[in-house]
Amino acid sequence: MKKLHILLILALSLFFAGQSLASQGMTQDQLKTQDQLQTQDQLQTQDQLQTQNQLKTQDQLQTQNQLKTQNQLQTQNQLQTQDQLKTQDQLNGQDNGGQGGQGGQGGQGGQGGKQ
């Protein structure tokens, strides 16, 4: 009977020791899982930040391109305006020159009449 009692105590001790080891193993697994989840969250956050930075860069490039396009259009408009003004000046110069020539002819005609 004493042997049975000792075996029963030994069996219970082994059972509780096994339970303790199992719970420690589960705790370690849970910690590993938490670490993996934190790592995944950090990677997702990094990916999101990279994506945001890429989008910002794309937006900045688009804005730069739009500004360049606006500047080119403004330059084209300025050149067109300058060309139009030059053309108007040339036309005005021709008109004035032609009128001056006609005036000179009239003066010559008047002088011929006096002779």
PDB file of N, CA and C in Angstrom:
ATOM      1  N   MET A   1       0.805  -1.169   0.000  1.00  0.00           N
ATOM      2  CA  MET A   1       0.000   0.000   0.000  1.00  0.00           C
ATOM      3  C   MET A   1       0.862   1.251   0.000  1.00  0.00           C
ATOM      4  N   LYS A   2       1.970   1.198   0.718  1.00  0.00           N
ATOM      5  CA  LYS A   2       2.848   2.340   0.734  1.00  0.00           C
ATOM      6  C   LYS A   2       3.421   2.565  -0.661  1.00  0.00           C
ATOM      7  N   LYS A   3       3.712   1.501  -1.390  1.00  0.00           N
ATOM      8  CA  LYS A   3       4.249   1.647  -2.736  1.00  0.00           C
ATOM      9  C   LYS A   3       3.213   2.306  -3.641  1.00  0.00           C
ATOM     10  N   LEU A   4       1.991   1.947  -3.476  1.00  0.00           N
ATOM     11  CA  LEU A   4       0.911   2.537  -4.280  1.00  0.00           C
ATOM     12  C   LEU A   4       0.781   4.020  -3.959  1.00  0.00           C
ATOM     13  N   HIS A   5       0.895   4.332  -2.701  1.00  0.00           N
ATOM     14  CA  HIS A   5       0.799   5.722  -2.267  1.00  0.00           C
ATOM     15  C   HIS A   5       1.961   6.543  -2.856  1.00  0.00           C
ATOM     16  N   ILE A   6       3.176   6.011  -2.826  1.00  0.00           N
ATOM     17  CA  ILE A   6       4.355   6.687  -3.367  1.00  0.00           C
ATOM     18  C   ILE A   6       4.222   6.837  -4.881  1.00  0.00           C
ATOM     19  N   LEU A   7       3.747   5.795  -5.565  1.00  0.00           N
ATOM     20  CA  LEU A   7       3.566   5.875  -7.018  1.00  0.00           C
ATOM     21  C   LEU A   7       2.510   6.916  -7.382  1.00  0.00           C
ATOM     22  N   LEU A   8       1.483   7.008  -6.583  1.00  0.00           N
ATOM     23  CA  LEU A   8       0.432   7.986  -6.837  1.00  0.00           C
ATOM     24  C   LEU A   8       0.985   9.407  -6.668  1.00  0.00           C
ATOM     25  N   ILE A   9       1.778   9.645  -5.645  1.00  0.00           N
ATOM     26  CA  ILE A   9       2.384  10.954  -5.430  1.00  0.00           C
ATOM     27  C   ILE A   9       3.345  11.278  -6.577  1.00  0.00           C
ATOM     28  N   LEU A  10       4.135  10.282  -6.983  1.00  0.00           N
ATOM     29  CA  LEU A  10       5.073  10.488  -8.095  1.00  0.00           C
ATOM     30  C   LEU A  10       4.324  10.801  -9.394  1.00  0.00           C
ATOM     31  N   ALA A  11       3.242  10.099  -9.650  1.00  0.00           N
ATOM     32  CA  ALA A  11       2.443  10.321 -10.860  1.00  0.00           C
ATOM     33  C   ALA A  11       1.834  11.721 -10.841  1.00  0.00           C
ATOM     34  N   LEU A  12       1.305  12.152  -9.696  1.00  0.00           N
ATOM     35  CA  LEU A  12       0.727  13.495  -9.584  1.00  0.00           C
ATOM     36  C   LEU A  12       1.807  14.565  -9.765  1.00  0.00           C
ATOM     37  N   SER A  13       2.996  14.350  -9.212  1.00  0.00           N
ATOM     38  CA  SER A  13       4.089  15.307  -9.356  1.00  0.00           C
ATOM     39  C   SER A  13       4.499  15.438 -10.820  1.00  0.00           C
ATOM     40  N   LEU A  14       4.604  14.293 -11.500  1.00  0.00           N
ATOM     41  CA  LEU A  14       4.947  14.328 -12.923  1.00  0.00           C
ATOM     42  C   LEU A  14       3.853  15.036 -13.734  1.00  0.00           C
ATOM     43  N   PHE A  15       2.615  14.796 -13.385  1.00  0.00           N
ATOM     44  CA  PHE A  15       1.505  15.432 -14.090  1.00  0.00           C
ATOM     45  C   PHE A  15       1.572  16.948 -13.947  1.00  0.00           C
ATOM     46  N   PHE A  16       1.755  17.447 -12.726  1.00  0.00           N
ATOM     47  CA  PHE A  16       1.811  18.889 -12.511  1.00  0.00           C
ATOM     48  C   PHE A  16       3.064  19.519 -13.133  1.00  0.00           C
ATOM     49  N   ALA A  17       4.168  18.777 -13.118  1.00  0.00           N
ATOM     50  CA  ALA A  17       5.383  19.278 -13.761  1.00  0.00           C
ATOM     51  C   ALA A  17       5.163  19.411 -15.268  1.00  0.00           C
ATOM     52  N   GLY A  18       4.495  18.424 -15.869  1.00  0.00           N
ATOM     53  CA  GLY A  18       4.169  18.467 -17.304  1.00  0.00           C
ATOM     54  C   GLY A  18       3.253  19.631 -17.623  1.00  0.00           C
ATOM     55  N   GLN A  19       2.265  19.867 -16.757  1.00  0.00           N
ATOM     56  CA  GLN A  19       1.352  20.991 -16.962  1.00  0.00           C
ATOM     57  C   GLN A  19       2.109  22.328 -16.913  1.00  0.00           C
ATOM     58  N   SER A  20       3.021  22.429 -15.969  1.00  0.00           N
ATOM     59  CA  SER A  20       3.811  23.654 -15.833  1.00  0.00           C
ATOM     60  C   SER A  20       4.663  23.893 -17.078  1.00  0.00           C
ATOM     61  N   LEU A  21       5.320  22.841 -17.552  1.00  0.00           N
ATOM     62  CA  LEU A  21       6.137  22.973 -18.764  1.00  0.00           C
ATOM     63  C   LEU A  21       5.277  23.339 -19.981  1.00  0.00           C
ATOM     64  N   ALA A  22       4.123  22.737 -20.060  1.00  0.00           N
ATOM     65  CA  ALA A  22       3.219  23.015 -21.187  1.00  0.00           C
ATOM     66  C   ALA A  22       2.775  24.474 -21.165  1.00  0.00           C
ATOM     67  N   SER A  23       2.451  24.991 -19.979  1.00  0.00           N
ATOM     68  CA  SER A  23       2.008  26.390 -19.914  1.00  0.00           C
ATOM     69  C   SER A  23       3.154  27.339 -20.250  1.00  0.00           C
ATOM     70  N   GLN A  24       4.382  26.981 -19.855  1.00  0.00           N
ATOM     71  CA  GLN A  24       5.528  27.816 -20.220  1.00  0.00           C
ATOM     72  C   GLN A  24       5.737  27.812 -21.734  1.00  0.00           C
ATOM     73  N   GLY A  25       5.583  26.636 -22.337  1.00  0.00           N
ATOM     74  CA  GLY A  25       5.708  26.544 -23.792  1.00  0.00           C
ATOM     75  C   GLY A  25       4.659  27.376 -24.501  1.00  0.00           C
ATOM     76  N   MET A  26       3.422  27.346 -23.968  1.00  0.00           N
ATOM     77  CA  MET A  26       2.351  28.142 -24.571  1.00  0.00           C
ATOM     78  C   MET A  26       2.648  29.635 -24.417  1.00  0.00           C
ATOM     79  N   THR A  27       3.176  30.019 -23.267  1.00  0.00           N
ATOM     80  CA  THR A  27       3.516  31.422 -23.046  1.00  0.00           C
ATOM     81  C   THR A  27       4.585  31.866 -24.036  1.00  0.00           C
ATOM     82  N   GLN A  28       5.583  31.030 -24.248  1.00  0.00           N
ATOM     83  CA  GLN A  28       6.627  31.368 -25.220  1.00  0.00           C
ATOM     84  C   GLN A  28       6.045  31.481 -26.626  1.00  0.00           C
ATOM     85  N   ASP A  29       5.135  30.556 -26.966  1.00  0.00           N
ATOM     86  CA  ASP A  29       4.495  30.629 -28.288  1.00  0.00           C
ATOM     87  C   ASP A  29       3.693  31.911 -28.431  1.00  0.00           C
ATOM     88  N   GLN A  30       3.000  32.292 -27.368  1.00  0.00           N
ATOM     89  CA  GLN A  30       2.216  33.525 -27.420  1.00  0.00           C
ATOM     90  C   GLN A  30       3.129  34.731 -27.586  1.00  0.00           C
ATOM     91  N   LEU A  31       4.267  34.735 -26.888  1.00  0.00           N
ATOM     92  CA  LEU A  31       5.208  35.842 -27.027  1.00  0.00           C
ATOM     93  C   LEU A  31       5.777  35.899 -28.444  1.00  0.00           C
ATOM     94  N   LYS A  32       6.093  34.725 -29.007  1.00  0.00           N
ATOM     95  CA  LYS A  32       6.601  34.691 -30.383  1.00  0.00           C
ATOM     96  C   LYS A  32       5.542  35.233 -31.341  1.00  0.00           C
ATOM     97  N   THR A  33       4.294  34.838 -31.114  1.00  0.00           N
ATOM     98  CA  THR A  33       3.204  35.296 -31.970  1.00  0.00           C
ATOM     99  C   THR A  33       3.054  36.811 -31.854  1.00  0.00           C
ATOM    100  N   GLN A  34       3.132  37.333 -30.631  1.00  0.00           N
ATOM    101  CA  GLN A  34       3.041  38.788 -30.446  1.00  0.00           C
ATOM    102  C   GLN A  34       4.196  39.494 -31.158  1.00  0.00           C
ATOM    103  N   ASP A  35       5.398  38.942 -31.040  1.00  0.00           N
ATOM    104  CA  ASP A  35       6.558  39.533 -31.721  1.00  0.00           C
ATOM    105  C   ASP A  35       6.351  39.534 -33.233  1.00  0.00           C
ATOM    106  N   GLN A  36       5.824  38.430 -33.751  1.00  0.00           N
ATOM    107  CA  GLN A  36       5.587  38.349 -35.188  1.00  0.00           C
ATOM    108  C   GLN A  36       4.538  39.372 -35.618  1.00  0.00           C
ATOM    109  N   LEU A  37       3.483  39.511 -34.800  1.00  0.00           N
ATOM    110  CA  LEU A  37       2.444  40.479 -35.135  1.00  0.00           C
ATOM    111  C   LEU A  37       2.997  41.902 -35.083  1.00  0.00           C
ATOM    112  N   GLN A  38       3.829  42.195 -34.076  1.00  0.00           N
ATOM    113  CA  GLN A  38       4.428  43.523 -33.995  1.00  0.00           C
ATOM    114  C   GLN A  38       5.316  43.772 -35.202  1.00  0.00           C
ATOM    115  N   THR A  39       6.079  42.754 -35.593  1.00  0.00           N
ATOM    116  CA  THR A  39       6.952  42.889 -36.762  1.00  0.00           C
ATOM    117  C   THR A  39       6.114  43.139 -38.015  1.00  0.00           C
ATOM    118  N   GLN A  40       5.015  42.403 -38.157  1.00  0.00           N
ATOM    119  CA  GLN A  40       4.140  42.614 -39.310  1.00  0.00           C
ATOM    120  C   GLN A  40       3.568  44.024 -39.295  1.00  0.00           C
ATOM    121  N   ASP A  41       3.148  44.490 -38.110  1.00  0.00           N
ATOM    122  CA  ASP A  41       2.602  45.847 -38.001  1.00  0.00           C
ATOM    123  C   ASP A  41       3.654  46.879 -38.375  1.00  0.00           C
ATOM    124  N   GLN A  42       4.883  46.659 -37.913  1.00  0.00           N
ATOM    125  CA  GLN A  42       5.949  47.599 -38.242  1.00  0.00           C
ATOM    126  C   GLN A  42       6.211  47.602 -39.739  1.00  0.00           C
ATOM    127  N   LEU A  43       6.215  46.420 -40.345  1.00  0.00           N
ATOM    128  CA  LEU A  43       6.441  46.338 -41.795  1.00  0.00           C
ATOM    129  C   LEU A  43       5.306  47.022 -42.549  1.00  0.00           C
ATOM    130  N   GLN A  44       4.069  46.803 -42.091  1.00  0.00           N
ATOM    131  CA  GLN A  44       2.939  47.453 -42.750  1.00  0.00           C
ATOM    132  C   GLN A  44       3.049  48.969 -42.618  1.00  0.00           C
ATOM    133  N   THR A  45       3.461  49.426 -41.417  1.00  0.00           N
ATOM    134  CA  THR A  45       3.615  50.860 -41.211  1.00  0.00           C
ATOM    135  C   THR A  45       4.703  51.411 -42.125  1.00  0.00           C
ATOM    136  N   GLN A  46       5.812  50.698 -42.242  1.00  0.00           N
ATOM    137  CA  GLN A  46       6.879  51.130 -43.140  1.00  0.00           C
ATOM    138  C   GLN A  46       6.381  51.173 -44.585  1.00  0.00           C
ATOM    139  N   ASP A  47       5.638  50.146 -44.971  1.00  0.00           N
ATOM    140  CA  ASP A  47       5.102  50.124 -46.338  1.00  0.00           C
ATOM    141  C   ASP A  47       4.168  51.302 -46.568  1.00  0.00           C
ATOM    142  N   GLN A  48       3.326  51.594 -45.565  1.00  0.00           N
ATOM    143  CA  GLN A  48       2.400  52.706 -45.709  1.00  0.00           C
ATOM    144  C   GLN A  48       3.158  54.022 -45.817  1.00  0.00           C
ATOM    145  N   LEU A  49       4.203  54.171 -44.992  1.00  0.00           N
ATOM    146  CA  LEU A  49       5.000  55.396 -45.054  1.00  0.00           C
ATOM    147  C   LEU A  49       5.703  55.517 -46.398  1.00  0.00           C
ATOM    148  N   GLN A  50       6.236  54.406 -46.907  1.00  0.00           N
ATOM    149  CA  GLN A  50       6.885  54.437 -48.211  1.00  0.00           C
ATOM    150  C   GLN A  50       5.886  54.818 -49.287  1.00  0.00           C
ATOM    151  N   THR A  51       4.691  54.232 -49.197  1.00  0.00           N
ATOM    152  CA  THR A  51       3.648  54.541 -50.177  1.00  0.00           C
ATOM    153  C   THR A  51       3.283  56.023 -50.097  1.00  0.00           C
ATOM    154  N   GLN A  52       3.125  56.538 -48.880  1.00  0.00           N
ATOM    155  CA  GLN A  52       2.809  57.952 -48.719  1.00  0.00           C
ATOM    156  C   GLN A  52       3.922  58.817 -49.305  1.00  0.00           C
ATOM    157  N   ASN A  53       5.180  58.452 -49.036  1.00  0.00           N
ATOM    158  CA  ASN A  53       6.292  59.224 -49.569  1.00  0.00           C
ATOM    159  C   ASN A  53       6.322  59.173 -51.090  1.00  0.00           C
ATOM    160  N   GLN A  54       6.028  57.992 -51.646  1.00  0.00           N
ATOM    161  CA  GLN A  54       6.005  57.872 -53.106  1.00  0.00           C
ATOM    162  C   GLN A  54       4.890  58.740 -53.682  1.00  0.00           C
ATOM    163  N   LEU A  55       3.723  58.728 -53.017  1.00  0.00           N
ATOM    164  CA  LEU A  55       2.608  59.553 -53.497  1.00  0.00           C
ATOM    165  C   LEU A  55       2.958  61.038 -53.390  1.00  0.00           C
ATOM    166  N   LYS A  56       3.615  61.429 -52.288  1.00  0.00           N
ATOM    167  CA  LYS A  56       4.022  62.821 -52.149  1.00  0.00           C
ATOM    168  C   LYS A  56       4.995  63.193 -53.261  1.00  0.00           C
ATOM    169  N   THR A  57       5.951  62.293 -53.528  1.00  0.00           N
ATOM    170  CA  THR A  57       6.925  62.557 -54.576  1.00  0.00           C
ATOM    171  C   THR A  57       6.229  62.686 -55.928  1.00  0.00           C
ATOM    172  N   GLN A  58       5.269  61.793 -56.199  1.00  0.00           N
ATOM    173  CA  GLN A  58       4.526  61.871 -57.455  1.00  0.00           C
ATOM    174  C   GLN A  58       3.773  63.192 -57.541  1.00  0.00           C
ATOM    175  N   ASP A  59       3.137  63.590 -56.424  1.00  0.00           N
ATOM    176  CA  ASP A  59       2.405  64.853 -56.415  1.00  0.00           C
ATOM    177  C   ASP A  59       3.338  66.027 -56.652  1.00  0.00           C
ATOM    178  N   GLN A  60       4.520  65.978 -56.024  1.00  0.00           N
ATOM    179  CA  GLN A  60       5.478  67.060 -56.206  1.00  0.00           C
ATOM    180  C   GLN A  60       5.938  67.121 -57.659  1.00  0.00           C
ATOM    181  N   LEU A  61       6.196  65.954 -58.259  1.00  0.00           N
ATOM    182  CA  LEU A  61       6.621  65.922 -59.659  1.00  0.00           C
ATOM    183  C   LEU A  61       5.513  66.442 -60.561  1.00  0.00           C
ATOM    184  N   GLN A  62       4.272  66.042 -60.271  1.00  0.00           N
ATOM    185  CA  GLN A  62       3.153  66.535 -61.079  1.00  0.00           C
ATOM    186  C   GLN A  62       3.040  68.052 -60.945  1.00  0.00           C
ATOM    187  N   THR A  63       3.198  68.541 -59.713  1.00  0.00           N
ATOM    188  CA  THR A  63       3.126  69.983 -59.494  1.00  0.00           C
ATOM    189  C   THR A  63       4.251  70.689 -60.239  1.00  0.00           C
ATOM    190  N   GLN A  64       5.460  70.128 -60.181  1.00  0.00           N
ATOM    191  CA  GLN A  64       6.576  70.721 -60.919  1.00  0.00           C
ATOM    192  C   GLN A  64       6.293  70.735 -62.413  1.00  0.00           C
ATOM    193  N   ASN A  65       5.770  69.624 -62.918  1.00  0.00           N
ATOM    194  CA  ASN A  65       5.454  69.552 -64.351  1.00  0.00           C
ATOM    195  C   ASN A  65       4.383  70.566 -64.722  1.00  0.00           C
ATOM    196  N   GLN A  66       3.370  70.721 -63.844  1.00  0.00           N
ATOM    197  CA  GLN A  66       2.321  71.693 -64.126  1.00  0.00           C
ATOM    198  C   GLN A  66       2.896  73.103 -64.130  1.00  0.00           C
ATOM    199  N   LEU A  67       3.788  73.377 -63.160  1.00  0.00           N
ATOM    200  CA  LEU A  67       4.397  74.706 -63.106  1.00  0.00           C
ATOM    201  C   LEU A  67       5.260  74.951 -64.347  1.00  0.00           C
ATOM    202  N   LYS A  68       6.018  73.925 -64.765  1.00  0.00           N
ATOM    203  CA  LYS A  68       6.829  74.071 -65.976  1.00  0.00           C
ATOM    204  C   LYS A  68       5.938  74.342 -67.173  1.00  0.00           C
ATOM    205  N   THR A  69       4.842  73.592 -67.269  1.00  0.00           N
ATOM    206  CA  THR A  69       3.909  73.778 -68.384  1.00  0.00           C
ATOM    207  C   THR A  69       3.326  75.183 -68.346  1.00  0.00           C
ATOM    208  N   GLN A  70       2.936  75.645 -67.142  1.00  0.00           N
ATOM    209  CA  GLN A  70       2.403  76.999 -67.028  1.00  0.00           C
ATOM    210  C   GLN A  70       3.450  78.024 -67.458  1.00  0.00           C
ATOM    211  N   ASN A  71       4.684  77.825 -67.018  1.00  0.00           N
ATOM    212  CA  ASN A  71       5.749  78.768 -67.388  1.00  0.00           C
ATOM    213  C   ASN A  71       5.985  78.763 -68.889  1.00  0.00           C
ATOM    214  N   GLN A  72       5.941  77.568 -69.488  1.00  0.00           N
ATOM    215  CA  GLN A  72       6.136  77.490 -70.930  1.00  0.00           C
ATOM    216  C   GLN A  72       4.999  78.196 -71.659  1.00  0.00           C
ATOM    217  N   LEU A  73       3.773  77.988 -71.172  1.00  0.00           N
ATOM    218  CA  LEU A  73       2.632  78.656 -71.801  1.00  0.00           C
ATOM    219  C   LEU A  73       2.738  80.166 -71.639  1.00  0.00           C
ATOM    220  N   GLN A  74       3.145  80.617 -70.453  1.00  0.00           N
ATOM    221  CA  GLN A  74       3.301  82.052 -70.239  1.00  0.00           C
ATOM    222  C   GLN A  74       4.375  82.609 -71.168  1.00  0.00           C
ATOM    223  N   THR A  75       5.479  81.872 -71.292  1.00  0.00           N
ATOM    224  CA  THR A  75       6.559  82.313 -72.181  1.00  0.00           C
ATOM    225  C   THR A  75       6.063  82.371 -73.624  1.00  0.00           C
ATOM    226  N   GLN A  76       5.312  81.338 -74.038  1.00  0.00           N
ATOM    227  CA  GLN A  76       4.770  81.341 -75.399  1.00  0.00           C
ATOM    228  C   GLN A  76       3.844  82.541 -75.592  1.00  0.00           C
ATOM    229  N   ASN A  77       3.001  82.792 -74.611  1.00  0.00           N
ATOM    230  CA  ASN A  77       2.075  83.929 -74.714  1.00  0.00           C
ATOM    231  C   ASN A  77       2.836  85.244 -74.777  1.00  0.00           C
ATOM    232  N   GLN A  78       3.897  85.366 -73.976  1.00  0.00           N
ATOM    233  CA  GLN A  78       4.693  86.587 -73.997  1.00  0.00           C
ATOM    234  C   GLN A  78       5.351  86.762 -75.363  1.00  0.00           C
ATOM    235  N   LEU A  79       5.898  85.671 -75.912  1.00  0.00           N
ATOM    236  CA  LEU A  79       6.530  85.748 -77.223  1.00  0.00           C
ATOM    237  C   LEU A  79       5.502  86.109 -78.301  1.00  0.00           C
ATOM    238  N   GLN A  80       4.316  85.501 -78.210  1.00  0.00           N
ATOM    239  CA  GLN A  80       3.272  85.820 -79.183  1.00  0.00           C
ATOM    240  C   GLN A  80       2.887  87.292 -79.067  1.00  0.00           C
ATOM    241  N   THR A  81       2.774  87.754 -77.820  1.00  0.00           N
ATOM    242  CA  THR A  81       2.414  89.159 -77.618  1.00  0.00           C
ATOM    243  C   THR A  81       3.506  90.066 -78.178  1.00  0.00           C
ATOM    244  N   GLN A  82       4.774  89.715 -77.930  1.00  0.00           N
ATOM    245  CA  GLN A  82       5.874  90.506 -78.479  1.00  0.00           C
ATOM    246  C   GLN A  82       5.833  90.512 -80.004  1.00  0.00           C
ATOM    247  N   ASP A  83       5.601  89.341 -80.600  1.00  0.00           N
ATOM    248  CA  ASP A  83       5.521  89.253 -82.059  1.00  0.00           C
ATOM    249  C   ASP A  83       4.378  90.108 -82.587  1.00  0.00           C
ATOM    250  N   GLN A  84       3.235  90.063 -81.903  1.00  0.00           N
ATOM    251  CA  GLN A  84       2.097  90.859 -82.342  1.00  0.00           C
ATOM    252  C   GLN A  84       2.411  92.344 -82.248  1.00  0.00           C
ATOM    253  N   LEU A  85       3.072  92.737 -81.163  1.00  0.00           N
ATOM    254  CA  LEU A  85       3.421  94.147 -81.004  1.00  0.00           C
ATOM    255  C   LEU A  85       4.417  94.574 -82.080  1.00  0.00           C
ATOM    256  N   LYS A  86       5.406  93.719 -82.370  1.00  0.00           N
ATOM    257  CA  LYS A  86       6.374  94.041 -83.422  1.00  0.00           C
ATOM    258  C   LYS A  86       5.660  94.197 -84.761  1.00  0.00           C
ATOM    259  N   THR A  87       4.749  93.269 -85.027  1.00  0.00           N
ATOM    260  CA  THR A  87       4.009  93.328 -86.290  1.00  0.00           C
ATOM    261  C   THR A  87       3.185  94.610 -86.352  1.00  0.00           C
ATOM    262  N   GLN A  88       2.545  94.956 -85.261  1.00  0.00           N
ATOM    263  CA  GLN A  88       1.763  96.192 -85.239  1.00  0.00           C
ATOM    264  C   GLN A  88       2.672  97.403 -85.454  1.00  0.00           C
ATOM    265  N   ASP A  89       3.835  97.385 -84.802  1.00  0.00           N
ATOM    266  CA  ASP A  89       4.775  98.505 -84.978  1.00  0.00           C
ATOM    267  C   ASP A  89       5.217  98.601 -86.435  1.00  0.00           C
ATOM    268  N   GLN A  90       5.491  97.438 -87.052  1.00  0.00           N
ATOM    269  CA  GLN A  90       5.932  97.443 -88.438  1.00  0.00           C
ATOM    270  C   GLN A  90       4.823  97.984 -89.340  1.00  0.00           C
ATOM    271  N   LEU A  91       3.611  97.531 -89.066  1.00  0.00           N
ATOM    272  CA  LEU A  91       2.487  98.021 -89.870  1.00  0.00           C
ATOM    273  C   LEU A  91       2.290  99.516 -89.662  1.00  0.00           C
ATOM    274  N   ASN A  92       2.389  99.963 -88.429  1.00  0.00           N
ATOM    275  CA  ASN A  92       2.256 101.403 -88.148  1.00  0.00           C
ATOM    276  C   ASN A  92       3.370 102.173 -88.841  1.00  0.00           C
ATOM    277  N   GLY A  93       4.572 101.628 -88.853  1.00  0.00           N
ATOM    278  CA  GLY A  93       5.703 102.282 -89.518  1.00  0.00           C
ATOM    279  C   GLY A  93       5.473 102.388 -91.007  1.00  0.00           C
ATOM    280  N   GLN A  94       4.931 101.355 -91.609  1.00  0.00           N
ATOM    281  CA  GLN A  94       4.653 101.390 -93.049  1.00  0.00           C
ATOM    282  C   GLN A  94       3.584 102.419 -93.348  1.00  0.00           C
ATOM    283  N   ASP A  95       2.550 102.463 -92.520  1.00  0.00           N
ATOM    284  CA  ASP A  95       1.480 103.438 -92.736  1.00  0.00           C
ATOM    285  C   ASP A  95       2.029 104.861 -92.644  1.00  0.00           C
ATOM    286  N   ASN A  96       2.838 105.108 -91.631  1.00  0.00           N
ATOM    287  CA  ASN A  96       3.398 106.453 -91.462  1.00  0.00           C
ATOM    288  C   ASN A  96       4.336 106.806 -92.613  1.00  0.00           C
ATOM    289  N   GLY A  97       5.143 105.861 -93.050  1.00  0.00           N
ATOM    290  CA  GLY A  97       6.064 106.093 -94.161  1.00  0.00           C
ATOM    291  C   GLY A  97       5.299 106.392 -95.446  1.00  0.00           C
ATOM    292  N   GLY A  98       4.244 105.647 -95.676  1.00  0.00           N
ATOM    293  CA  GLY A  98       3.442 105.859 -96.878  1.00  0.00           C
ATOM    294  C   GLY A  98       2.787 107.217 -96.867  1.00  0.00           C
ATOM    295  N   GLN A  99       2.301 107.628 -95.737  1.00  0.00           N
ATOM    296  CA  GLN A  99       1.670 108.935 -95.646  1.00  0.00           C
ATOM    297  C   GLN A  99       2.698 110.043 -95.841  1.00  0.00           C
ATOM    298  N   GLY A 100       3.863 109.814 -95.306  1.00  0.00           N
ATOM    299  CA  GLY A 100       4.919 110.818 -95.482  1.00  0.00           C
ATOM    300  C   GLY A 100       5.291 110.958 -96.953  1.00  0.00           C
ATOM    301  N   GLY A 101       5.360 109.868 -97.633  1.00  0.00           N
ATOM    302  CA  GLY A 101       5.685 109.899 -99.057  1.00  0.00           C
ATOM    303  C   GLY A 101       4.614 110.628 -99.838  1.00  0.00           C
ATOM    304  N   GLN A 102       3.393 110.404 -99.509  1.00  0.00           N
ATOM    305  CA  GLN A 102       2.304 111.091-100.204  1.00  0.00           C
ATOM    306  C   GLN A 102       2.360 112.592 -99.926  1.00  0.00           C
ATOM    307  N   GLY A 103       2.681 112.926 -98.718  1.00  0.00           N
ATOM    308  CA  GLY A 103       2.784 114.348 -98.386  1.00  0.00           C
ATOM    309  C   GLY A 103       3.893 115.003 -99.185  1.00  0.00           C
ATOM    310  N   GLY A 104       4.991 114.300 -99.359  1.00  0.00           N
ATOM    311  CA  GLY A 104       6.114 114.831-100.133  1.00  0.00           C
ATOM    312  C   GLY A 104       5.724 115.037-101.576  1.00  0.00           C
ATOM    313  N   GLN A 105       4.972 114.133-102.123  1.00  0.00           N
ATOM    314  CA  GLN A 105       4.536 114.279-103.510  1.00  0.00           C
ATOM    315  C   GLN A 105       3.613 115.479-103.654  1.00  0.00           C
ATOM    316  N   GLY A 106       2.771 115.662-102.693  1.00  0.00           N
ATOM    317  CA  GLY A 106       1.863 116.816-102.740  1.00  0.00           C
ATOM    318  C   GLY A 106       2.659 118.116-102.706  1.00  0.00           C
ATOM    319  N   GLY A 107       3.691 118.131-101.906  1.00  0.00           N
ATOM    320  CA  GLY A 107       4.520 119.336-101.814  1.00  0.00           C
ATOM    321  C   GLY A 107       5.230 119.606-103.136  1.00  0.00           C
ATOM    322  N   GLN A 108       5.696 118.601-103.782  1.00  0.00           N
ATOM    323  CA  GLN A 108       6.359 118.753-105.070  1.00  0.00           C
ATOM    324  C   GLN A 108       5.369 119.276-106.109  1.00  0.00           C
ATOM    325  N   GLY A 109       4.165 118.720-106.042  1.00  0.00           N
ATOM    326  CA  GLY A 109       3.142 119.193-106.985  1.00  0.00           C
ATOM    327  C   GLY A 109       2.865 120.663-106.801  1.00  0.00           C
ATOM    328  N   GLY A 110       2.826 121.072-105.569  1.00  0.00           N
ATOM    329  CA  GLY A 110       2.570 122.487-105.265  1.00  0.00           C
ATOM    330  C   GLY A 110       3.707 123.364-105.762  1.00  0.00           C
ATOM    331  N   GLN A 111       4.921 122.889-105.638  1.00  0.00           N
ATOM    332  CA  GLN A 111       6.043 123.669-106.104  1.00  0.00           C
ATOM    333  C   GLN A 111       6.010 123.782-107.632  1.00  0.00           C
ATOM    334  N   GLY A 112       5.621 122.719-108.297  1.00  0.00           N
ATOM    335  CA  GLY A 112       5.547 122.730-109.778  1.00  0.00           C
ATOM    336  C   GLY A 112       4.513 123.758-110.266  1.00  0.00           C
ATOM    337  N   GLY A 113       3.456 123.871-109.536  1.00  0.00           N
ATOM    338  CA  GLY A 113       2.417 124.814-109.920  1.00  0.00           C
ATOM    339  C   GLY A 113       2.883 126.243-109.812  1.00  0.00           C
ATOM    340  N   LYS A 114       3.750 126.525-108.864  1.00  0.00           N
ATOM    341  CA  LYS A 114       4.237 127.886-108.680  1.00  0.00           C
ATOM    342  C   LYS A 114       5.185 128.285-109.818  1.00  0.00           C
ATOM    343  N   GLN A 115       5.895 127.367-110.371  1.00  0.00           N
ATOM    344  CA  GLN A 115       6.879 127.701-111.401  1.00  0.00           C
ATOM    345  C   GLN A 115       6.125 128.065-112.632  1.00  0.00           C
TER     346      GLN A 115
END
